[in-house]
C-alpha atoms as a PDB file:
ATOM      1  CA  MET A   1      -6.893  17.087 -20.238  1.00  0.00           C
ATOM      2  CA  PRO A   2      -6.847  19.844 -17.676  1.00  0.00           C
ATOM      3  CA  THR A   3      -6.475  23.361 -18.888  1.00  0.00           C
ATOM      4  CA  ASN A   4      -4.749  25.988 -16.902  1.00  0.00           C
ATOM      5  CA  THR A   5      -2.541  23.555 -15.149  1.00  0.00           C
ATOM      6  CA  PRO A   6      -0.884  25.225 -12.060  1.00  0.00           C
ATOM      7  CA  GLU A   7       2.709  26.016 -12.564  1.00  0.00           C
ATOM      8  CA  ILE A   8       3.696  24.154  -9.306  1.00  0.00           C
ATOM      9  CA  LEU A   9       3.011  20.848 -11.099  1.00  0.00           C
ATOM     10  CA  ALA A  10       5.901  21.218 -13.507  1.00  0.00           C
ATOM     11  CA  ALA A  11       8.174  20.243 -10.535  1.00  0.00           C
ATOM     12  CA  HIS A  12       6.536  16.895 -10.038  1.00  0.00           C
ATOM     13  CA  ARG A  13       6.666  13.700 -12.063  1.00  0.00           C
ATOM     14  CA  PHE A  14       2.909  13.250 -12.281  1.00  0.00           C
ATOM     15  CA  TYR A  15      -0.258  14.463 -10.689  1.00  0.00           C
ATOM     16  CA  LEU A  16      -3.841  13.316 -10.097  1.00  0.00           C
ATOM     17  CA  GLY A  17      -7.096  14.916 -11.256  1.00  0.00           C
ATOM     18  CA  LEU A  18     -10.394  14.166  -9.738  1.00  0.00           C
ATOM     19  CA  GLU A  19     -13.434  14.582 -11.932  1.00  0.00           C
ATOM     20  CA  LEU A  20     -16.913  14.563 -10.487  1.00  0.00           C
ATOM     21  CA  ASP A  21     -20.011  13.528 -12.636  1.00  0.00           C
ATOM     22  CA  GLY A  22     -22.283  16.553 -13.186  1.00  0.00           C
ATOM     23  CA  SER A  23     -19.571  19.069 -12.647  1.00  0.00           C
ATOM     24  CA  TYR A  24     -18.953  21.985 -15.085  1.00  0.00           C
ATOM     25  CA  ASP A  25     -15.252  21.909 -14.637  1.00  0.00           C
ATOM     26  CA  ALA A  26     -12.941  19.555 -16.656  1.00  0.00           C
ATOM     27  CA  VAL A  27     -11.097  18.635 -13.542  1.00  0.00           C
ATOM     28  CA  ASP A  28     -12.575  19.379 -10.097  1.00  0.00           C
ATOM     29  CA  GLY A  29      -9.419  18.935  -8.121  1.00  0.00           C
ATOM     30  CA  ILE A  30      -5.558  18.472  -8.691  1.00  0.00           C
ATOM     31  CA  PHE A  31      -3.869  16.303  -6.178  1.00  0.00           C
ATOM     32  CA  LEU A  32      -0.233  15.360  -5.560  1.00  0.00           C
ATOM     33  CA  GLU A  33      -0.791  12.562  -3.258  1.00  0.00           C
ATOM     34  CA  CYS A  34      -3.395   9.575  -3.116  1.00  0.00           C
ATOM     35  CA  ARG A  35      -3.249   6.981  -0.228  1.00  0.00           C
ATOM     36  CA  GLY A  36      -5.532   3.854   0.461  1.00  0.00           C
ATOM     37  CA  PHE A  37      -6.180   2.974  -3.128  1.00  0.00           C
ATOM     38  CA  GLN A  38      -6.892  -0.658  -2.419  1.00  0.00           C
ATOM     39  CA  ARG A  39      -9.484  -3.338  -3.324  1.00  0.00           C
ATOM     40  CA  THR A  40      -9.308  -6.690  -1.712  1.00  0.00           C
ATOM     41  CA  GLN A  41     -11.290  -9.886  -1.864  1.00  0.00           C
ATOM     42  CA  GLU A  42     -12.031 -11.663   1.304  1.00  0.00           C
ATOM     43  CA  VAL A  43     -11.159 -15.420   1.795  1.00  0.00           C
ATOM     44  CA  ILE A  44     -13.761 -17.896   3.020  1.00  0.00           C
ATOM     45  CA  GLU A  45     -12.246 -20.933   4.356  1.00  0.00           C
ATOM     46  CA  VAL A  46     -14.446 -24.049   4.286  1.00  0.00           C
ATOM     47  CA  CYS A  47     -13.412 -27.100   6.542  1.00  0.00           C
ATOM     48  CA  GLU A  48     -14.787 -30.513   5.622  1.00  0.00           C
ATOM     49  CA  VAL A  49     -14.206 -34.053   6.912  1.00  0.00           C
ATOM     50  CA  THR A  50     -14.404 -36.538   4.109  1.00  0.00           C
ATOM     51  CA  ALA A  51     -15.094 -40.195   4.460  1.00  0.00           C
ATOM     52  CA  GLN A  52     -12.282 -41.483   2.233  1.00  0.00           C
ATOM     53  CA  HIS A  53      -9.483 -43.799   3.133  1.00  0.00           C
ATOM     54  CA  TRP A  54      -6.097 -42.188   3.603  1.00  0.00           C
ATOM     55  CA  GLY A  55      -2.680 -42.859   4.927  1.00  0.00           C
ATOM     56  CA  SER A  56      -0.227 -45.855   4.611  1.00  0.00           C
ATOM     57  CA  GLN A  57      -2.466 -47.948   6.843  1.00  0.00           C
ATOM     58  CA  GLY A  58      -5.601 -47.171   4.967  1.00  0.00           C
ATOM     59  CA  GLN A  59      -7.235 -45.317   7.797  1.00  0.00           C
ATOM     60  CA  SER A  60     -10.999 -44.653   7.288  1.00  0.00           C
ATOM     61  CA  LYS A  61     -11.736 -42.031  10.049  1.00  0.00           C
ATOM     62  CA  GLY A  62     -12.018 -39.385   7.473  1.00  0.00           C
ATOM     63  CA  ARG A  63      -9.566 -36.720   6.442  1.00  0.00           C
ATOM     64  CA  VAL A  64      -9.850 -32.860   6.962  1.00  0.00           C
ATOM     65  CA  VAL A  65      -9.874 -30.924   3.746  1.00  0.00           C
ATOM     66  CA  ARG A  66      -9.699 -27.132   3.678  1.00  0.00           C
ATOM     67  CA  THR A  67     -10.909 -25.165   0.719  1.00  0.00           C
ATOM     68  CA  LYS A  68     -10.549 -21.568   0.102  1.00  0.00           C
ATOM     69  CA  LEU A  69     -13.219 -19.631  -1.776  1.00  0.00           C
ATOM     70  CA  PRO A  70     -13.464 -16.070  -2.905  1.00  0.00           C
ATOM     71  CA  GLY A  71     -15.779 -13.874  -0.638  1.00  0.00           C
ATOM     72  CA  ASN A  72     -16.920 -10.307  -0.639  1.00  0.00           C
ATOM     73  CA  VAL A  73     -14.953  -7.581  -2.393  1.00  0.00           C
ATOM     74  CA  LYS A  74     -14.023  -4.536  -0.194  1.00  0.00           C
ATOM     75  CA  SER A  75     -12.752  -1.040  -1.212  1.00  0.00           C
ATOM     76  CA  SER A  76     -10.691   1.052   1.017  1.00  0.00           C
ATOM     77  CA  ASN A  77     -11.278   4.725   1.368  1.00  0.00           C
ATOM     78  CA  LEU A  78      -9.171   7.149  -0.726  1.00  0.00           C
ATOM     79  CA  THR A  79      -7.279   9.944   0.838  1.00  0.00           C
ATOM     80  CA  LEU A  80      -6.310  12.603  -1.545  1.00  0.00           C
ATOM     81  CA  ARG A  81      -3.956  15.479  -0.462  1.00  0.00           C
ATOM     82  CA  ARG A  82      -3.118  18.810  -2.159  1.00  0.00           C
ATOM     83  CA  GLY A  83      -1.838  22.327  -1.316  1.00  0.00           C
ATOM     84  CA  MET A  84      -4.687  24.502  -0.279  1.00  0.00           C
ATOM     85  CA  THR A  85      -6.501  26.392  -3.101  1.00  0.00           C
ATOM     86  CA  PHE A  86      -9.267  28.980  -3.535  1.00  0.00           C
ATOM     87  CA  SER A  87     -11.579  26.322  -4.779  1.00  0.00           C
ATOM     88  CA  THR A  88     -14.416  25.239  -2.445  1.00  0.00           C
ATOM     89  CA  THR A  89     -15.784  22.392  -4.592  1.00  0.00           C
ATOM     90  CA  PHE A  90     -14.803  19.574  -2.124  1.00  0.00           C
ATOM     91  CA  TRP A  91     -15.806  21.736   0.933  1.00  0.00           C
ATOM     92  CA  LYS A  92     -19.235  22.169  -0.665  1.00  0.00           C
ATOM     93  CA  TRP A  93     -19.620  18.539  -1.454  1.00  0.00           C
ATOM     94  CA  PHE A  94     -18.715  17.575   2.107  1.00  0.00           C
ATOM     95  CA  GLN A  95     -21.105  20.103   3.532  1.00  0.00           C
ATOM     96  CA  GLN A  96     -23.943  18.724   1.492  1.00  0.00           C
ATOM     97  CA  ILE A  97     -23.327  15.301   2.758  1.00  0.00           C
ATOM     98  CA  GLN A  98     -23.260  16.638   6.317  1.00  0.00           C
ATOM     99  CA  ASP A  99     -26.522  18.377   5.812  1.00  0.00           C
ATOM    100  CA  GLY A 100     -28.309  15.158   5.115  1.00  0.00           C
ATOM    101  CA  ASN A 101     -28.462  15.317   1.343  1.00  0.00           C
ATOM    102  CA  TRP A 102     -26.134  12.311   1.014  1.00  0.00           C
ATOM    103  CA  GLY A 103     -28.459  10.241  -1.257  1.00  0.00           C
ATOM    104  CA  LYS A 104     -28.231  12.931  -3.911  1.00  0.00           C
ATOM    105  CA  GLN A 105     -24.555  13.548  -3.404  1.00  0.00           C
ATOM    106  CA  ARG A 106     -23.162  10.140  -4.030  1.00  0.00           C
ATOM    107  CA  LYS A 107     -21.530  10.731  -7.328  1.00  0.00           C
ATOM    108  CA  ASP A 108     -19.467   8.711  -9.891  1.00  0.00           C
ATOM    109  CA  ALA A 109     -16.052  10.084 -10.302  1.00  0.00           C
ATOM    110  CA  SER A 110     -12.785   9.500 -12.266  1.00  0.00           C
ATOM    111  CA  LEU A 111      -9.392   9.479 -10.659  1.00  0.00           C
ATOM    112  CA  VAL A 112      -6.968  10.312 -13.564  1.00  0.00           C
ATOM    113  CA  ILE A 113      -3.083  10.112 -13.299  1.00  0.00           C
ATOM    114  CA  TYR A 114      -1.429  12.631 -15.627  1.00  0.00           C
ATOM    115  CA  ASP A 115       2.240  12.885 -16.501  1.00  0.00           C
ATOM    116  CA  GLN A 116       4.221  16.126 -16.520  1.00  0.00           C
ATOM    117  CA  SER A 117       3.010  17.105 -19.919  1.00  0.00           C
ATOM    118  CA  SER A 118      -0.690  16.631 -18.856  1.00  0.00           C
ATOM    119  CA  THR A 119      -1.040  13.415 -20.753  1.00  0.00           C
ATOM    120  CA  GLU A 120      -3.431  10.976 -19.306  1.00  0.00           C
ATOM    121  CA  MET A 121      -1.482   7.871 -18.215  1.00  0.00           C
ATOM    122  CA  ALA A 122      -4.232   5.982 -16.227  1.00  0.00           C
ATOM    123  CA  ARG A 123      -8.029   6.364 -15.312  1.00  0.00           C
ATOM    124  CA  PHE A 124      -9.931   4.826 -12.503  1.00  0.00           C
ATOM    125  CA  ASN A 125     -13.770   5.086 -12.251  1.00  0.00           C
ATOM    126  CA  LEU A 126     -15.121   5.266  -8.832  1.00  0.00           C
ATOM    127  CA  LEU A 127     -18.751   4.434  -8.479  1.00  0.00           C
ATOM    128  CA  ARG A 128     -21.083   6.019  -5.863  1.00  0.00           C
ATOM    129  CA  ALA A 129     -18.302   8.018  -4.170  1.00  0.00           C
ATOM    130  CA  TRP A 130     -18.852  10.507  -1.215  1.00  0.00           C
ATOM    131  CA  PRO A 131     -16.657  12.445   1.014  1.00  0.00           C
ATOM    132  CA  THR A 132     -16.275  10.939   4.525  1.00  0.00           C
ATOM    133  CA  SER A 133     -13.846  13.683   5.921  1.00  0.00           C
ATOM    134  CA  TYR A 134     -12.307  16.980   4.972  1.00  0.00           C
ATOM    135  CA  LYS A 135      -9.245  18.127   6.791  1.00  0.00           C
ATOM    136  CA  ILE A 136      -6.816  21.123   6.650  1.00  0.00           C
ATOM    137  CA  THR A 137      -3.493  20.712   8.257  1.00  0.00           C
ATOM    138  CA  ASP A 138      -2.476  22.766  11.307  1.00  0.00           C
ATOM    139  CA  VAL A 139      -1.995  26.343  10.475  1.00  0.00           C
ATOM    140  CA  SER A 140       0.888  28.458  11.740  1.00  0.00           C
ATOM    141  CA  ALA A 141       1.521  32.026  10.355  1.00  0.00           C
ATOM    142  CA  ARG A 142       5.258  31.385  11.216  1.00  0.00           C
ATOM    143  CA  SER A 143       5.539  28.387   9.026  1.00  0.00           C
ATOM    144  CA  SER A 144       6.954  28.504   5.531  1.00  0.00           C
ATOM    145  CA  GLU A 145       5.013  25.342   4.462  1.00  0.00           C
ATOM    146  CA  ILE A 146       1.892  25.597   2.454  1.00  0.00           C
ATOM    147  CA  GLU A 147      -1.440  24.557   3.999  1.00  0.00           C
ATOM    148  CA  VAL A 148      -2.464  21.048   2.878  1.00  0.00           C
ATOM    149  CA  GLU A 149      -6.072  20.138   2.251  1.00  0.00           C
ATOM    150  CA  GLU A 150      -7.061  16.457   2.679  1.00  0.00           C
ATOM    151  CA  LEU A 151     -10.133  14.804   1.426  1.00  0.00           C
ATOM    152  CA  GLU A 152     -11.204  11.192   2.224  1.00  0.00           C
ATOM    153  CA  ILE A 153     -13.625   9.548  -0.132  1.00  0.00           C
ATOM    154  CA  ALA A 154     -15.605   6.270   0.267  1.00  0.00           C
ATOM    155  CA  TYR A 155     -16.687   4.536  -2.817  1.00  0.00           C
ATOM    156  CA  GLU A 156     -18.607   1.249  -3.508  1.00  0.00           C
ATOM    157  CA  GLU A 157     -16.600   0.092  -6.621  1.00  0.00           C
ATOM    158  CA  PHE A 158     -13.784   0.955  -8.867  1.00  0.00           C
ATOM    159  CA  ALA A 159     -12.667  -0.068 -12.372  1.00  0.00           C
ATOM    160  CA  ARG A 160      -9.388   0.795 -14.168  1.00  0.00           C
ATOM    161  CA  ILE A 161     -10.404   2.002 -17.530  1.00  0.00           C
ATOM    162  CA  LYS A 162      -7.013   2.969 -18.882  1.00  0.00           C
END
């Protein structure tokens, strides 16, 4: 459970915490949005012609049979968004990937959904994750909106633990 939860989170029904393996912090980032959390299984369609008799006339020219089989499993990238903070954890992680140390920077991570009282409601473990993009929204000194930090993460597998 995260300690020192920012006061802004009290206005929201839930929030997401991202925990990176090997980190010294209990939660490396707190986010209010997550997009693209999807895992799909491709469909392989096999078409065969059988030698059986079919139809009312007993035709023996063969019948086309289509079978659908499960194929490769594919994970979409996650896009996490939050208000800009002083933390540079995700920028440093992205920078290390960019500098060519990506083999050492693929990390296992947990995406945790907390309710307003900071109680863990769900946990997803992401295996061999790494940041593919880091973005900050357009900046305007005249705007009253907060700056938003966006991180896109690729991962190979995920499992729902809770």
